[in-house]
Amino acid sequence: MNFWQRHWKKFVIGIVAIPVLILGVSFAYAKWWNDAPDKLDEDDLSHVLSDTTPDTATDKVVTTQAPGDTTAETPESGANTNTAAADSSSSTGVDGTWNITTDSVLRYRVTESINGFDTEGVGSTNQVTGALTISGTTATAADFTVDMTTFSSDESRRDGQFNGRIMSVDEFPTAEFHLTSPIDFGSVPAEGTSIKATATGDLTLRGVTKSVTFEVTAQVQNGKIGVLGNIPVLFSDYDIPNPSFGTISTEDNGLLEFVLVFEPA
């Protein structure tokens, strides 16, 4: 009996086991290992606006009075002023210019299929700059720039594809949004409550500019303004190559989702 006759069963089992193993790993990655965050919603908006900085040395009160002196204590320079800002915003309205802060988050979200098992690819950044201008109950201007080189996900290979052939961040290091029509919110929301409206503007991705219209949710709290929303993106509209590679295939579209946080300029 030759070698093949003695070991053919082992070879067959091995050949069958390889695709089974691949499918098993793909299933485990899609269902357990790929830890894609949930879609941003109003709970995220409320959380980031209600979140306050813990007490630190710069938040402590400086006591300057002599023993027995009842002079009111004054906060040290740099102390937390959220309460004062909130009182100011509720008494004077929200008119003026508001600058975006690094409490903001911008994400891309793409549906992925790994050997037939569906999951999501999500990358995020907080490197967004720009400002929002408000007059009465209307947002009259808004311009934002995103540093595309700072997006990251839970998978380095996905990040490599994103930075390289997909978004070509060396050639197109930024994305931009410019509001082209005023957003009329109808009223200034009460502290801690939200209000919805529709926004229209020009979105520039990978050097291509398209007009987009989408719903936003705004909230005023602790002297800050928060804006939640998402923008569907069809890749072909922006000359974005389909992200599929290897055994991973994707839809021909994705989602830009955001919670933008603003403070007075």
Protein backbone atom coordinates (compact mmCIF):
# COMPACT_ATOMS: atom_id res chain seq x y z
CA MET A 1 0.00 0.00 0.00
CA ASN A 2 1.52 3.32 -1.07
CA PHE A 3 1.57 6.61 0.88
CA TRP A 4 -1.53 8.05 -0.81
CA GLN A 5 -3.60 4.95 -0.14
CA ARG A 6 -2.61 5.02 3.53
CA HIS A 7 -3.29 8.75 4.09
CA TRP A 8 -5.94 9.81 1.58
CA LYS A 9 -8.60 10.16 4.28
CA LYS A 10 -6.40 12.59 6.22
CA PHE A 11 -5.89 14.70 3.09
CA VAL A 12 -9.61 14.82 2.37
CA ILE A 13 -10.41 15.76 5.96
CA GLY A 14 -7.76 18.47 5.87
CA ILE A 15 -9.06 19.94 2.62
CA VAL A 16 -12.63 20.00 3.96
CA ALA A 17 -11.50 21.47 7.29
CA ILE A 18 -9.84 24.54 5.74
CA PRO A 19 -13.01 26.21 4.39
CA VAL A 20 -14.90 25.21 7.53
CA LEU A 21 -12.22 26.89 9.62
CA ILE A 22 -12.32 30.01 7.43
CA LEU A 23 -16.10 30.22 7.76
CA GLY A 24 -15.86 29.72 11.51
CA VAL A 25 -13.31 32.50 11.90
CA SER A 26 -15.37 34.79 9.65
CA PHE A 27 -18.49 34.13 11.73
CA ALA A 28 -16.65 34.78 14.99
CA TYR A 29 -15.18 38.04 13.66
CA ALA A 30 -18.50 39.30 12.30
CA LYS A 31 -20.54 38.42 15.38
CA TRP A 32 -18.12 38.84 18.29
CA TRP A 33 -14.64 40.15 17.53
CA ASN A 34 -15.62 43.15 15.39
CA ASP A 35 -16.72 45.57 18.11
CA ALA A 36 -18.55 48.19 16.01
CA PRO A 37 -20.19 50.89 18.17
CA ASP A 38 -23.92 51.48 17.93
CA LYS A 39 -25.23 54.22 15.67
CA LEU A 40 -25.11 57.66 17.29
CA ASP A 41 -28.49 58.73 18.69
CA GLU A 42 -30.11 61.26 21.03
CA ASP A 43 -28.76 59.45 24.09
CA ASP A 44 -25.23 60.17 22.84
CA LEU A 45 -26.17 63.79 22.24
CA SER A 46 -27.56 64.21 25.76
CA HIS A 47 -24.63 62.37 27.31
CA VAL A 48 -21.91 64.52 25.76
CA LEU A 49 -23.74 67.74 26.71
CA SER A 50 -24.46 66.66 30.28
CA ASP A 51 -20.97 65.29 30.85
CA THR A 52 -19.02 67.62 33.15
CA THR A 53 -15.33 67.75 33.87
CA PRO A 54 -14.45 66.08 37.21
CA ASP A 55 -13.11 68.29 39.97
CA THR A 56 -9.41 68.94 39.56
CA ALA A 57 -6.87 71.30 41.03
CA THR A 58 -8.02 74.01 38.61
CA ASP A 59 -11.64 73.59 39.72
CA LYS A 60 -10.94 74.17 43.40
CA VAL A 61 -11.96 77.36 45.15
CA VAL A 62 -9.27 79.75 46.35
CA THR A 63 -9.91 80.96 49.89
CA THR A 64 -8.47 84.42 50.38
CA GLN A 65 -10.27 85.70 53.46
CA ALA A 66 -8.71 85.94 56.86
CA PRO A 67 -10.16 83.87 59.72
CA GLY A 68 -13.63 85.12 60.50
CA ASP A 69 -13.93 87.01 57.19
CA THR A 70 -17.16 86.07 55.37
CA THR A 71 -16.15 87.43 51.97
CA ALA A 72 -17.46 85.09 49.26
CA GLU A 73 -14.98 82.65 47.81
CA THR A 74 -14.00 83.15 44.18
CA PRO A 75 -13.13 80.43 41.68
CA GLU A 76 -9.57 80.15 40.57
CA SER A 77 -8.81 81.14 36.97
CA GLY A 78 -9.73 78.26 34.64
CA ALA A 79 -12.41 76.92 36.99
CA ASN A 80 -15.40 75.07 35.60
CA THR A 81 -17.90 77.67 34.35
CA ASN A 82 -20.56 75.39 32.88
CA THR A 83 -23.26 76.56 35.29
CA ALA A 84 -22.58 80.23 34.63
CA ALA A 85 -22.52 79.62 30.88
CA ALA A 86 -25.80 77.74 31.06
CA ASP A 87 -27.43 80.60 33.00
CA SER A 88 -26.05 83.05 30.44
CA SER A 89 -27.35 81.08 27.48
CA SER A 90 -30.82 80.73 28.99
CA SER A 91 -31.08 84.43 29.79
CA THR A 92 -29.55 85.93 26.63
CA GLY A 93 -30.42 83.29 24.03
CA VAL A 94 -28.00 81.62 21.68
CA ASP A 95 -27.28 84.45 19.24
CA GLY A 96 -23.72 84.68 17.98
CA THR A 97 -20.90 82.48 16.80
CA TRP A 98 -20.23 79.06 18.32
CA ASN A 99 -16.98 77.18 17.79
CA ILE A 100 -16.85 73.41 17.48
CA THR A 101 -15.02 71.50 20.24
CA THR A 102 -13.10 68.23 20.49
CA ASP A 103 -16.03 66.76 22.44
CA SER A 104 -17.50 66.23 18.97
CA VAL A 105 -17.39 62.90 17.17
CA LEU A 106 -17.68 62.11 13.46
CA ARG A 107 -17.97 58.52 12.21
CA TYR A 108 -18.21 56.63 8.95
CA ARG A 109 -20.30 53.46 8.97
CA VAL A 110 -20.24 50.83 6.22
CA THR A 111 -22.01 47.47 6.06
CA GLU A 112 -19.48 44.68 5.49
CA SER A 113 -19.92 41.04 4.57
CA ILE A 114 -17.13 38.61 5.49
CA ASN A 115 -17.61 35.33 3.65
CA GLY A 116 -21.36 35.88 3.82
CA PHE A 117 -21.54 37.05 7.45
CA ASP A 118 -22.73 40.66 7.87
CA THR A 119 -21.05 43.14 10.19
CA GLU A 120 -20.16 46.85 10.14
CA GLY A 121 -16.98 48.80 9.64
CA VAL A 122 -16.87 51.97 11.74
CA GLY A 123 -14.14 54.58 12.00
CA SER A 124 -14.20 57.83 13.97
CA THR A 125 -12.42 61.10 14.65
CA ASN A 126 -12.92 64.20 16.78
CA GLN A 127 -10.63 66.35 14.65
CA VAL A 128 -13.29 68.70 13.28
CA THR A 129 -12.86 72.46 13.14
CA GLY A 130 -15.29 75.22 12.25
CA ALA A 131 -18.09 77.41 13.55
CA LEU A 132 -21.85 77.80 13.66
CA THR A 133 -23.58 81.20 13.58
CA ILE A 134 -27.04 81.65 15.09
CA SER A 135 -29.45 84.55 14.93
CA GLY A 136 -32.67 84.14 16.88
CA THR A 137 -34.00 80.68 16.08
CA THR A 138 -32.06 80.31 12.84
CA ALA A 139 -28.62 78.90 12.07
CA THR A 140 -27.47 81.35 9.41
CA ALA A 141 -24.00 79.94 8.68
CA ALA A 142 -21.98 76.80 9.34
CA ASP A 143 -18.61 75.70 7.97
CA PHE A 144 -16.70 72.62 9.10
CA THR A 145 -13.46 70.96 8.09
CA VAL A 146 -12.55 67.36 9.01
CA ASP A 147 -8.99 66.04 9.20
CA MET A 148 -9.41 62.81 7.22
CA THR A 149 -5.97 61.55 8.23
CA THR A 150 -7.16 61.05 11.83
CA PHE A 151 -9.92 58.48 11.31
CA SER A 152 -9.33 55.17 13.07
CA SER A 153 -11.28 51.95 13.58
CA ASP A 154 -10.73 48.73 15.53
CA GLU A 155 -8.94 47.13 12.57
CA SER A 156 -5.58 48.35 11.25
CA ARG A 157 -6.11 46.74 7.84
CA ARG A 158 -9.38 48.67 7.42
CA ASP A 159 -7.55 51.88 8.38
CA GLY A 160 -4.86 51.16 5.82
CA GLN A 161 -7.45 50.70 3.07
CA PHE A 162 -9.33 53.83 4.18
CA ASN A 163 -6.20 56.01 4.19
CA GLY A 164 -4.91 54.54 0.95
CA ARG A 165 -6.94 53.58 -2.10
CA ILE A 166 -10.39 54.43 -0.64
CA MET A 167 -10.07 58.02 0.62
CA SER A 168 -6.51 58.78 -0.60
CA VAL A 169 -5.86 61.03 2.40
CA ASP A 170 -2.40 62.01 1.16
CA GLU A 171 -4.07 63.70 -1.81
CA PHE A 172 -7.32 64.69 -0.08
CA PRO A 173 -6.43 65.29 3.60
CA THR A 174 -9.65 67.13 4.49
CA ALA A 175 -13.40 66.91 4.00
CA GLU A 176 -15.63 69.96 4.25
CA PHE A 177 -19.23 70.99 4.83
CA HIS A 178 -20.68 74.41 3.99
CA LEU A 179 -24.26 75.33 4.93
CA THR A 180 -26.01 76.74 1.86
CA SER A 181 -29.48 77.45 3.33
CA PRO A 182 -30.37 78.78 6.79
CA ILE A 183 -31.70 76.21 9.26
CA ASP A 184 -34.88 77.47 10.90
CA PHE A 185 -35.39 75.63 14.17
CA GLY A 186 -38.59 77.56 14.95
CA SER A 187 -37.62 78.08 18.59
CA VAL A 188 -34.72 77.80 20.99
CA PRO A 189 -35.13 74.49 22.82
CA ALA A 190 -35.51 74.57 26.58
CA GLU A 191 -32.47 73.47 28.56
CA GLY A 192 -31.91 69.73 28.08
CA THR A 193 -34.62 69.24 25.46
CA SER A 194 -34.08 68.63 21.75
CA ILE A 195 -35.55 70.06 18.57
CA LYS A 196 -35.41 68.81 14.97
CA ALA A 197 -34.90 70.61 11.67
CA THR A 198 -33.62 70.03 8.13
CA ALA A 199 -30.19 71.17 6.92
CA THR A 200 -28.95 71.67 3.35
CA GLY A 201 -25.35 72.27 2.39
CA ASP A 202 -22.38 71.31 0.23
CA LEU A 203 -20.42 68.24 1.32
CA THR A 204 -16.93 67.75 -0.11
CA LEU A 205 -15.36 64.28 0.05
CA ARG A 206 -12.25 63.16 -1.84
CA GLY A 207 -12.25 66.45 -3.73
CA VAL A 208 -15.86 66.12 -5.00
CA THR A 209 -18.61 68.48 -3.82
CA LYS A 210 -22.29 67.52 -3.73
CA SER A 211 -25.37 69.19 -2.25
CA VAL A 212 -26.90 67.17 0.61
CA THR A 213 -30.08 67.54 2.67
CA PHE A 214 -30.50 65.77 6.00
CA GLU A 215 -32.25 65.95 9.36
CA VAL A 216 -30.51 67.32 12.43
CA THR A 217 -31.41 67.28 16.11
CA ALA A 218 -30.19 70.19 18.28
CA GLN A 219 -29.98 70.55 22.04
CA VAL A 220 -28.82 73.32 24.39
CA GLN A 221 -27.37 72.30 27.75
CA ASN A 222 -24.69 73.49 30.18
CA GLY A 223 -23.82 76.46 28.01
CA LYS A 224 -23.15 74.22 25.01
CA ILE A 225 -25.01 73.43 21.80
CA GLY A 226 -25.07 69.89 20.45
CA VAL A 227 -26.14 68.82 16.95
CA LEU A 228 -26.84 65.20 16.00
CA GLY A 229 -27.30 63.93 12.46
CA ASN A 230 -26.23 61.59 9.70
CA ILE A 231 -25.65 61.91 5.96
CA PRO A 232 -26.03 58.93 3.58
CA VAL A 233 -23.14 58.75 1.11
CA LEU A 234 -23.26 56.93 -2.24
CA PHE A 235 -19.61 56.17 -2.98
CA SER A 236 -19.87 56.70 -6.74
CA ASP A 237 -21.15 60.27 -6.19
CA TYR A 238 -17.78 61.19 -4.70
CA ASP A 239 -15.53 58.99 -6.83
CA ILE A 240 -14.86 56.81 -3.78
CA PRO A 241 -13.71 53.30 -4.78
CA ASN A 242 -15.81 50.48 -3.39
CA PRO A 243 -14.14 49.49 -0.10
CA SER A 244 -14.41 45.74 -0.80
CA PHE A 245 -11.13 43.86 -0.57
CA GLY A 246 -10.13 40.22 -0.18
CA THR A 247 -12.89 38.18 1.42
CA ILE A 248 -14.63 41.36 2.66
CA SER A 249 -17.33 42.90 0.48
CA THR A 250 -19.26 46.09 1.21
CA GLU A 251 -22.35 47.93 0.05
CA ASP A 252 -21.94 50.73 -2.50
CA ASN A 253 -22.88 53.29 0.15
CA GLY A 254 -22.13 54.30 3.71
CA LEU A 255 -23.15 56.75 6.40
CA LEU A 256 -21.49 59.80 7.91
CA GLU A 257 -22.86 60.23 11.42
CA PHE A 258 -21.99 62.92 13.91
CA VAL A 259 -22.52 64.60 17.24
CA LEU A 260 -21.08 68.10 17.01
CA VAL A 261 -20.57 70.09 20.20
CA PHE A 262 -20.21 73.88 20.21
CA GLU A 263 -19.19 76.50 22.76
CA PRO A 264 -19.45 80.29 22.53
CA ALA A 265 -16.69 81.90 20.44
